[in-house]
Amino acid sequence: YYIYAMQTLAIIFVCTILCVLIGVPIGILMARSNLFLRMLVPVLDMLQTLPPFVYLIPLIFLFKITEPKLYGLAIILYAIVPVIRLTDLGIRLVDKDVIEAANAYGMTKRKLLFDVQISLALPNIMAGVNQTIMMSLAMVVIASLVSAPGLGTLVLDGINNLRLGVGFMAGIGIVLLAIILDRVSKSALARINTSYKN
């Protein structure tokens, strides 16, 4: 099961990085522009409430069923919402007095964003990354229906062919992977919170 677990881990790793690279700038734009916020909130609400299987339907018409783009896009669309919302929330929760003090010291907008706002919003952003990892893992199993490699294929094989032992062991592998990823991301979040308290 090791090779399948590493395939699942690789998909989660790549999709999480892409979610962060796309989601954090979108969250920053939402925090800075109320117009952009009003435009994007309905889209995020829709992405958050759609059942996971529904993400696969329109993408099947756009890509071949064996293409990695198919399940990659499905996972990113499903898992990107928490990192966007929590980045927006984290930046909005930065104390206005701190921003005024930074402006009084003559900080440029770019320096204010990176050195003050993102730094203070980092615990929220990391919480969003944690949720994104967990949602990516959940979607990887569903994405095995459209040829995503990894432990999900073993679960699907176990269901289709009544190989209950194979499906059960793959399920345990997914649970262990989820626990490890959750603990690692929460440990990083705890370190960030401790550094801010000190």
Protein backbone atom coordinates (compact mmCIF):
# COMPACT_ATOMS: atom_id res chain seq x y z
CA TYR A 1 0.00 0.00 0.00
CA TYR A 2 3.05 2.27 0.31
CA ILE A 3 3.15 3.25 -3.39
CA TYR A 4 -0.59 4.04 -3.39
CA ALA A 5 -0.21 6.09 -0.20
CA MET A 6 2.66 8.08 -1.76
CA GLN A 7 0.55 8.73 -4.87
CA THR A 8 -2.26 10.06 -2.67
CA LEU A 9 0.23 12.17 -0.68
CA ALA A 10 1.75 13.60 -3.89
CA ILE A 11 -1.69 14.64 -5.20
CA ILE A 12 -2.59 16.28 -1.88
CA PHE A 13 0.79 18.04 -1.70
CA VAL A 14 0.56 19.50 -5.22
CA CYS A 15 -3.12 20.48 -4.91
CA THR A 16 -2.58 22.10 -1.49
CA ILE A 17 0.35 24.17 -2.80
CA LEU A 18 -1.74 25.30 -5.79
CA CYS A 19 -4.69 26.12 -3.49
CA VAL A 20 -2.42 28.27 -1.30
CA LEU A 21 -0.75 30.00 -4.27
CA ILE A 22 -4.14 30.85 -5.81
CA GLY A 23 -6.25 31.20 -2.65
CA VAL A 24 -4.09 33.51 -0.52
CA PRO A 25 -3.89 36.32 -3.15
CA ILE A 26 -7.67 36.01 -3.75
CA GLY A 27 -8.25 36.25 0.03
CA ILE A 28 -6.04 39.36 0.19
CA LEU A 29 -7.99 40.97 -2.67
CA MET A 30 -11.27 40.16 -0.89
CA ALA A 31 -9.99 41.78 2.31
CA ARG A 32 -8.91 44.92 0.42
CA SER A 33 -11.95 45.36 -1.84
CA ASN A 34 -15.54 45.12 -0.62
CA LEU A 35 -16.75 45.04 -4.26
CA PHE A 36 -14.56 42.00 -4.99
CA LEU A 37 -15.82 40.45 -1.74
CA ARG A 38 -19.48 40.87 -2.76
CA MET A 39 -18.75 39.39 -6.20
CA LEU A 40 -16.84 36.37 -4.87
CA VAL A 41 -18.92 35.38 -1.81
CA PRO A 42 -21.76 33.81 -3.91
CA VAL A 43 -19.18 31.83 -5.91
CA LEU A 44 -17.49 30.58 -2.72
CA ASP A 45 -20.89 29.71 -1.22
CA MET A 46 -21.73 27.69 -4.33
CA LEU A 47 -18.37 25.86 -4.27
CA GLN A 48 -18.83 25.08 -0.58
CA THR A 49 -22.35 23.71 -0.88
CA LEU A 50 -22.01 21.62 -4.08
CA PRO A 51 -21.76 17.87 -3.42
CA PRO A 52 -18.23 16.57 -4.21
CA PHE A 53 -19.44 14.36 -7.10
CA VAL A 54 -20.91 17.38 -8.90
CA TYR A 55 -17.42 18.87 -9.42
CA LEU A 56 -16.53 15.95 -11.67
CA ILE A 57 -19.52 16.28 -14.06
CA PRO A 58 -18.61 19.48 -16.01
CA LEU A 59 -14.90 18.60 -16.01
CA ILE A 60 -15.55 15.23 -17.67
CA PHE A 61 -16.79 17.13 -20.75
CA LEU A 62 -13.65 19.31 -20.84
CA PHE A 63 -10.91 16.71 -20.32
CA LYS A 64 -10.26 13.06 -21.07
CA ILE A 65 -11.09 10.82 -18.15
CA THR A 66 -7.43 9.75 -17.83
CA GLU A 67 -6.02 13.30 -17.72
CA PRO A 68 -4.58 14.46 -14.37
CA LYS A 69 -6.10 17.90 -15.06
CA LEU A 70 -9.56 16.41 -14.52
CA TYR A 71 -9.14 15.26 -10.94
CA GLY A 72 -6.58 18.02 -10.18
CA LEU A 73 -9.05 20.79 -11.00
CA ALA A 74 -11.85 19.00 -9.14
CA ILE A 75 -9.73 18.76 -5.98
CA ILE A 76 -8.56 22.39 -6.22
CA LEU A 77 -12.10 23.74 -6.74
CA TYR A 78 -13.38 21.69 -3.81
CA ALA A 79 -10.53 22.45 -1.38
CA ILE A 80 -9.63 26.08 -2.14
CA VAL A 81 -12.56 27.72 -0.31
CA PRO A 82 -11.24 27.50 3.31
CA VAL A 83 -7.88 29.10 2.52
CA ILE A 84 -9.60 31.99 0.66
CA ARG A 85 -12.15 32.64 3.41
CA LEU A 86 -9.68 32.39 6.30
CA THR A 87 -7.09 34.60 4.56
CA ASP A 88 -9.79 37.24 4.06
CA LEU A 89 -10.93 36.86 7.68
CA GLY A 90 -7.39 36.96 9.08
CA ILE A 91 -6.50 40.19 7.27
CA ARG A 92 -9.80 41.83 8.23
CA LEU A 93 -9.19 40.94 11.90
CA VAL A 94 -5.84 42.76 12.01
CA ASP A 95 -6.16 45.54 14.59
CA LYS A 96 -6.84 48.92 12.95
CA ASP A 97 -4.56 50.62 15.52
CA VAL A 98 -1.64 48.48 14.35
CA ILE A 99 -2.31 49.48 10.73
CA GLU A 100 -2.54 53.16 11.71
CA ALA A 101 0.76 52.89 13.61
CA ALA A 102 2.41 51.25 10.57
CA ASN A 103 1.08 54.02 8.31
CA ALA A 104 2.37 56.62 10.77
CA TYR A 105 5.85 55.12 10.44
CA GLY A 106 5.59 55.63 6.67
CA MET A 107 5.29 52.00 5.57
CA THR A 108 4.48 51.42 1.92
CA LYS A 109 1.33 49.43 1.09
CA ARG A 110 3.41 46.44 0.05
CA LYS A 111 5.50 46.48 3.24
CA LEU A 112 2.33 46.93 5.32
CA LEU A 113 0.75 43.92 3.63
CA PHE A 114 3.71 41.52 3.97
CA ASP A 115 5.27 42.69 7.25
CA VAL A 116 2.12 43.50 9.23
CA GLN A 117 -1.15 42.18 7.80
CA ILE A 118 -0.03 38.77 6.50
CA SER A 119 2.22 38.23 9.53
CA LEU A 120 -0.66 38.86 11.95
CA ALA A 121 -3.11 36.88 9.80
CA LEU A 122 -0.77 33.86 9.55
CA PRO A 123 -2.56 31.77 12.25
CA ASN A 124 -5.85 32.14 10.33
CA ILE A 125 -4.14 31.37 7.01
CA MET A 126 -2.55 28.23 8.50
CA ALA A 127 -5.95 27.12 9.83
CA GLY A 128 -7.25 27.51 6.27
CA VAL A 129 -4.35 25.43 4.93
CA ASN A 130 -5.18 22.69 7.45
CA GLN A 131 -8.80 22.59 6.28
CA THR A 132 -7.66 22.61 2.64
CA ILE A 133 -5.43 19.56 3.27
CA MET A 134 -8.30 17.65 4.88
CA MET A 135 -10.72 18.53 2.06
CA SER A 136 -8.13 17.55 -0.58
CA LEU A 137 -7.78 14.16 1.07
CA ALA A 138 -11.55 13.67 1.09
CA MET A 139 -11.78 14.59 -2.61
CA VAL A 140 -8.88 12.33 -3.65
CA VAL A 141 -10.97 9.27 -2.76
CA ILE A 142 -13.96 10.53 -4.81
CA ALA A 143 -11.63 11.54 -7.66
CA SER A 144 -10.58 7.88 -7.99
CA LEU A 145 -13.85 7.50 -9.96
CA VAL A 146 -12.15 9.48 -12.75
CA SER A 147 -8.82 7.60 -12.66
CA ALA A 148 -7.06 9.54 -9.86
CA PRO A 149 -4.28 7.25 -8.59
CA GLY A 150 -3.69 6.38 -4.94
CA LEU A 151 -5.51 4.72 -2.09
CA GLY A 152 -8.90 5.78 -3.49
CA THR A 153 -8.49 3.32 -6.37
CA LEU A 154 -8.09 0.48 -3.87
CA VAL A 155 -11.22 1.58 -2.01
CA LEU A 156 -13.11 1.68 -5.32
CA ASP A 157 -11.72 -1.72 -6.31
CA GLY A 158 -12.81 -3.15 -2.97
CA ILE A 159 -16.36 -1.84 -3.45
CA ASN A 160 -16.71 -2.90 -7.11
CA ASN A 161 -15.27 -6.39 -6.73
CA LEU A 162 -16.38 -7.10 -3.15
CA ARG A 163 -12.75 -7.27 -2.04
CA LEU A 164 -13.61 -6.03 1.42
CA GLY A 165 -10.16 -6.62 2.91
CA VAL A 166 -8.44 -4.50 0.23
CA GLY A 167 -10.99 -1.69 0.60
CA PHE A 168 -10.80 -1.80 4.40
CA MET A 169 -6.99 -1.67 4.51
CA ALA A 170 -6.94 1.20 1.99
CA GLY A 171 -9.52 3.01 4.16
CA ILE A 172 -7.27 2.57 7.22
CA GLY A 173 -4.36 3.94 5.15
CA ILE A 174 -6.42 7.04 4.26
CA VAL A 175 -7.35 7.54 7.93
CA LEU A 176 -3.70 7.26 9.03
CA LEU A 177 -2.63 9.68 6.28
CA ALA A 178 -5.33 12.13 7.39
CA ILE A 179 -4.22 11.91 11.04
CA ILE A 180 -0.55 12.47 10.14
CA LEU A 181 -1.29 15.45 7.86
CA ASP A 182 -3.67 16.94 10.43
CA ARG A 183 -1.13 16.61 13.25
CA VAL A 184 1.69 18.09 11.14
CA SER A 185 -0.37 21.11 10.02
CA LYS A 186 -1.76 21.67 13.55
CA SER A 187 1.76 21.46 14.98
CA ALA A 188 2.88 24.18 12.53
CA LEU A 189 -0.13 26.28 13.54
CA ALA A 190 0.66 25.80 17.26
CA ARG A 191 4.25 26.95 16.69
CA ILE A 192 3.05 30.07 14.90
CA ASN A 193 0.59 30.84 17.72
CA THR A 194 3.32 30.31 20.35
CA SER A 195 5.73 32.62 18.51
CA TYR A 196 3.06 35.38 18.44
CA LYS A 197 2.33 34.98 22.16
CA ASN A 198 6.04 35.30 22.98
